[in-house]
Amino acid sequence: MAATKYTYSISGDFPNQKVNTTSLTIEINESSIITALDHINTSGDVCDVWFVDALSGAEETELDAVVAAHQGTPPHVIGIVLQKWGNSYIASTTTTRYLDPGFIKALASTSPVQYRITGVLKNFYIRHGTPDGNGNDVAYTIRKNGEATALSVTLASTDSDGSDLEHTVIFNNDLVDIEVTKASGIETSPVDIIAIAELSN
């Protein structure tokens, strides 16, 4: 993996000739782009959008569309930050896995990948980019300091999307991670698994 930069002209590529990096970050994370965004820099008329790896052709097209639609205004909802995790595969066996923050083009780890957050985590979404397998369930659970919470989505390996819009979890500089469990094997792993949750102050 090599960080890759995509450069745009603020005056030529953005419709209002301005960029709000917070809004642009949210718009990219909410798009169909799977490769994880690293950061965005602006200097003069230049806007550099960095990703953790090179985008596919379809992702580049999507990024161009996001830039062309970007209004340069602050987010409509202040105080909410999207948290994103993802991996290319979660394996077909019942071995417990953990999604990586952002998106890593690799098999999900067998060890927790944790970081600290503060706020209320809610509106938890899971997407299987390419559903596969035998249809057995896969459980995706938000954990706090290594303990399972009620914020969880159970999704058949052959389904595309699932969500938990009911439960919330309060974090106060606590560790967060996403645990992936299966009661039975799924034969073939779905591809490009994405998890998103809203963190509000």
Protein backbone atom coordinates (compact mmCIF):
# COMPACT_ATOMS: atom_id res chain seq x y z
CA MET A 1 0.00 0.00 0.00
CA ALA A 2 1.25 3.49 -0.86
CA ALA A 3 -0.43 6.79 0.03
CA THR A 4 -1.71 8.40 -3.15
CA LYS A 5 -2.54 12.06 -3.83
CA TYR A 6 -5.27 13.43 -6.09
CA THR A 7 -4.89 17.12 -6.87
CA TYR A 8 -7.69 19.52 -7.78
CA SER A 9 -7.87 23.22 -8.64
CA ILE A 10 -10.08 25.08 -6.18
CA SER A 11 -11.00 27.70 -8.77
CA GLY A 12 -11.38 25.25 -11.65
CA ASP A 13 -12.77 22.03 -10.19
CA PHE A 14 -15.00 23.13 -7.29
CA PRO A 15 -18.30 24.80 -8.29
CA ASN A 16 -18.12 27.66 -5.76
CA GLN A 17 -14.31 28.04 -5.92
CA LYS A 18 -13.97 27.15 -2.25
CA VAL A 19 -13.36 24.07 -0.11
CA ASN A 20 -14.45 23.13 3.38
CA THR A 21 -12.20 20.23 4.30
CA THR A 22 -14.52 18.96 7.06
CA SER A 23 -17.51 18.79 4.72
CA LEU A 24 -15.41 17.30 1.93
CA THR A 25 -14.15 14.61 4.31
CA ILE A 26 -17.72 13.69 5.29
CA GLU A 27 -18.85 13.67 1.64
CA ILE A 28 -16.01 11.35 0.63
CA ASN A 29 -16.65 9.01 3.58
CA GLU A 30 -20.35 8.88 2.69
CA SER A 31 -19.63 8.16 -0.99
CA SER A 32 -19.14 4.76 -2.64
CA ILE A 33 -15.35 5.13 -2.38
CA ILE A 34 -14.06 2.16 -0.38
CA THR A 35 -10.35 3.06 -0.14
CA ALA A 36 -9.81 4.96 3.12
CA LEU A 37 -9.26 8.70 3.01
CA ASP A 38 -6.04 9.76 4.73
CA HIS A 39 -6.25 13.57 4.80
CA ILE A 40 -6.99 16.69 2.74
CA ASN A 41 -4.64 19.65 2.29
CA THR A 42 -5.35 23.03 0.72
CA SER A 43 -2.78 25.64 -0.27
CA GLY A 44 -3.59 28.59 -2.49
CA ASP A 45 -5.61 27.26 -5.42
CA VAL A 46 -4.59 23.64 -4.82
CA CYS A 47 -6.58 20.98 -2.98
CA ASP A 48 -4.75 17.70 -2.43
CA VAL A 49 -6.88 14.70 -1.42
CA TRP A 50 -4.77 11.87 0.00
CA PHE A 51 -5.86 8.24 0.26
CA VAL A 52 -4.07 5.36 1.97
CA ASP A 53 -3.77 3.61 -1.40
CA ALA A 54 -4.45 4.27 -5.07
CA LEU A 55 -8.11 4.48 -6.08
CA SER A 56 -9.69 2.21 -8.64
CA GLY A 57 -10.96 3.75 -11.86
CA ALA A 58 -14.52 3.72 -10.55
CA GLU A 59 -13.41 5.34 -7.29
CA GLU A 60 -11.57 8.10 -9.18
CA THR A 61 -14.76 8.80 -11.13
CA GLU A 62 -16.70 8.94 -7.86
CA LEU A 63 -14.13 11.31 -6.32
CA ASP A 64 -14.42 13.63 -9.34
CA ALA A 65 -18.20 13.64 -8.86
CA VAL A 66 -17.88 14.42 -5.13
CA VAL A 67 -15.54 17.32 -5.89
CA ALA A 68 -17.86 18.63 -8.64
CA ALA A 69 -20.81 18.62 -6.19
CA HIS A 70 -18.94 20.08 -3.19
CA GLN A 71 -20.38 23.46 -2.14
CA GLY A 72 -17.55 24.54 0.16
CA THR A 73 -19.87 25.19 3.10
CA PRO A 74 -19.58 23.86 6.68
CA PRO A 75 -21.41 20.63 7.58
CA HIS A 76 -25.12 21.03 8.20
CA VAL A 77 -24.86 18.97 11.39
CA ILE A 78 -22.24 20.31 13.76
CA GLY A 79 -20.63 18.01 16.32
CA ILE A 80 -21.09 14.73 14.45
CA VAL A 81 -18.08 12.88 13.09
CA LEU A 82 -18.40 9.69 11.09
CA GLN A 83 -16.30 6.78 12.30
CA LYS A 84 -15.34 4.32 9.55
CA TRP A 85 -13.84 0.82 9.62
CA GLY A 86 -13.34 -1.77 6.92
CA ASN A 87 -11.44 -4.63 5.35
CA SER A 88 -11.42 -6.51 2.08
CA TYR A 89 -12.32 -9.82 3.76
CA ILE A 90 -13.45 -11.26 7.11
CA ALA A 91 -12.59 -14.92 6.32
CA SER A 92 -15.07 -17.79 6.06
CA THR A 93 -14.28 -19.56 9.34
CA THR A 94 -15.65 -18.91 12.83
CA THR A 95 -12.38 -17.31 14.01
CA THR A 96 -13.15 -13.94 15.61
CA ARG A 97 -11.96 -10.99 13.53
CA TYR A 98 -11.69 -7.22 14.10
CA LEU A 99 -12.23 -4.53 11.47
CA ASP A 100 -9.49 -1.96 10.87
CA PRO A 101 -10.13 1.78 11.29
CA GLY A 102 -10.56 3.45 7.92
CA PHE A 103 -10.23 0.73 5.30
CA ILE A 104 -7.42 -1.76 4.79
CA LYS A 105 -7.20 -3.88 1.66
CA ALA A 106 -6.47 -7.03 3.61
CA LEU A 107 -8.06 -9.73 5.73
CA ALA A 108 -9.46 -8.44 9.01
CA SER A 109 -7.12 -9.02 11.95
CA THR A 110 -7.53 -11.64 14.67
CA SER A 111 -6.38 -9.03 17.23
CA PRO A 112 -8.40 -5.95 18.27
CA VAL A 113 -7.51 -2.72 16.48
CA GLN A 114 -8.47 -0.08 19.06
CA TYR A 115 -8.35 3.68 19.46
CA ARG A 116 -9.85 6.16 21.95
CA ILE A 117 -12.97 8.25 21.39
CA THR A 118 -15.18 10.56 23.43
CA GLY A 119 -18.86 11.13 22.69
CA VAL A 120 -22.04 9.22 21.89
CA LEU A 121 -21.72 6.51 19.25
CA LYS A 122 -24.91 5.63 17.37
CA ASN A 123 -26.46 4.91 13.94
CA PHE A 124 -24.27 1.91 13.15
CA TYR A 125 -24.27 0.74 9.52
CA ILE A 126 -22.66 -2.29 7.85
CA ARG A 127 -22.22 -2.81 4.12
CA HIS A 128 -20.99 -5.89 2.27
CA GLY A 129 -19.60 -4.46 -0.96
CA THR A 130 -19.95 -7.86 -2.63
CA PRO A 131 -22.10 -10.28 -0.63
CA ASP A 132 -21.02 -13.94 -0.80
CA GLY A 133 -21.03 -17.22 1.06
CA ASN A 134 -23.85 -19.50 2.20
CA GLY A 135 -26.07 -16.94 3.91
CA ASN A 136 -25.10 -17.72 7.50
CA ASP A 137 -25.09 -14.74 9.84
CA VAL A 138 -22.15 -12.46 10.57
CA ALA A 139 -22.36 -10.34 13.75
CA TYR A 140 -20.60 -6.96 13.87
CA THR A 141 -20.41 -5.59 17.41
CA ILE A 142 -19.09 -2.27 18.71
CA ARG A 143 -16.93 -2.91 21.78
CA LYS A 144 -16.01 -0.47 24.55
CA ASN A 145 -12.75 -1.16 26.37
CA GLY A 146 -12.84 -4.70 25.04
CA GLU A 147 -16.42 -5.41 26.16
CA ALA A 148 -19.34 -5.99 23.78
CA THR A 149 -22.04 -3.31 23.71
CA ALA A 150 -25.66 -3.40 22.53
CA LEU A 151 -24.67 -1.50 19.38
CA SER A 152 -24.51 -4.41 16.95
CA VAL A 153 -25.57 -5.50 13.46
CA THR A 154 -26.18 -9.11 12.44
CA LEU A 155 -26.15 -9.57 8.68
CA ALA A 156 -26.34 -12.65 6.47
CA SER A 157 -23.18 -13.09 4.42
CA THR A 158 -25.35 -12.87 1.29
CA ASP A 159 -27.02 -9.57 2.31
CA SER A 160 -25.72 -6.15 1.32
CA ASP A 161 -26.70 -3.80 4.15
CA GLY A 162 -27.72 -3.75 7.79
CA SER A 163 -28.01 -1.19 10.57
CA ASP A 164 -28.65 -0.58 14.26
CA LEU A 165 -30.40 2.77 14.65
CA GLU A 166 -31.78 1.99 18.13
CA HIS A 167 -28.85 1.65 20.51
CA THR A 168 -26.31 4.25 21.66
CA VAL A 169 -23.04 3.92 23.59
CA ILE A 170 -21.34 6.69 25.59
CA PHE A 171 -17.55 6.86 25.38
CA ASN A 172 -15.32 9.00 27.60
CA ASN A 173 -11.78 8.57 26.29
CA ASP A 174 -12.57 4.85 26.03
CA LEU A 175 -11.21 2.31 23.56
CA VAL A 176 -13.42 1.34 20.64
CA ASP A 177 -13.21 -1.52 18.17
CA ILE A 178 -15.51 -3.68 16.03
CA GLU A 179 -15.62 -7.41 16.66
CA VAL A 180 -16.73 -9.76 13.88
CA THR A 181 -18.13 -13.15 14.93
CA LYS A 182 -19.87 -16.07 13.19
CA ALA A 183 -21.70 -18.95 14.86
CA SER A 184 -21.07 -21.08 11.76
CA GLY A 185 -18.77 -20.86 8.77
CA ILE A 186 -19.94 -18.88 5.75
CA GLU A 187 -17.97 -20.80 3.06
CA THR A 188 -16.83 -17.61 1.28
CA SER A 189 -16.23 -14.17 2.77
CA PRO A 190 -18.09 -11.12 1.49
CA VAL A 191 -15.76 -8.61 -0.16
CA ASP A 192 -15.11 -5.00 0.89
CA ILE A 193 -16.84 -4.81 4.26
CA ILE A 194 -17.51 -1.25 5.46
CA ALA A 195 -18.75 -0.17 8.90
CA ILE A 196 -19.83 3.39 9.72
CA ALA A 197 -21.13 4.92 12.96
CA GLU A 198 -21.92 8.47 14.04
CA LEU A 199 -19.97 9.98 16.96
CA SER A 200 -21.59 13.08 18.46
CA ASN A 201 -20.36 15.30 21.28
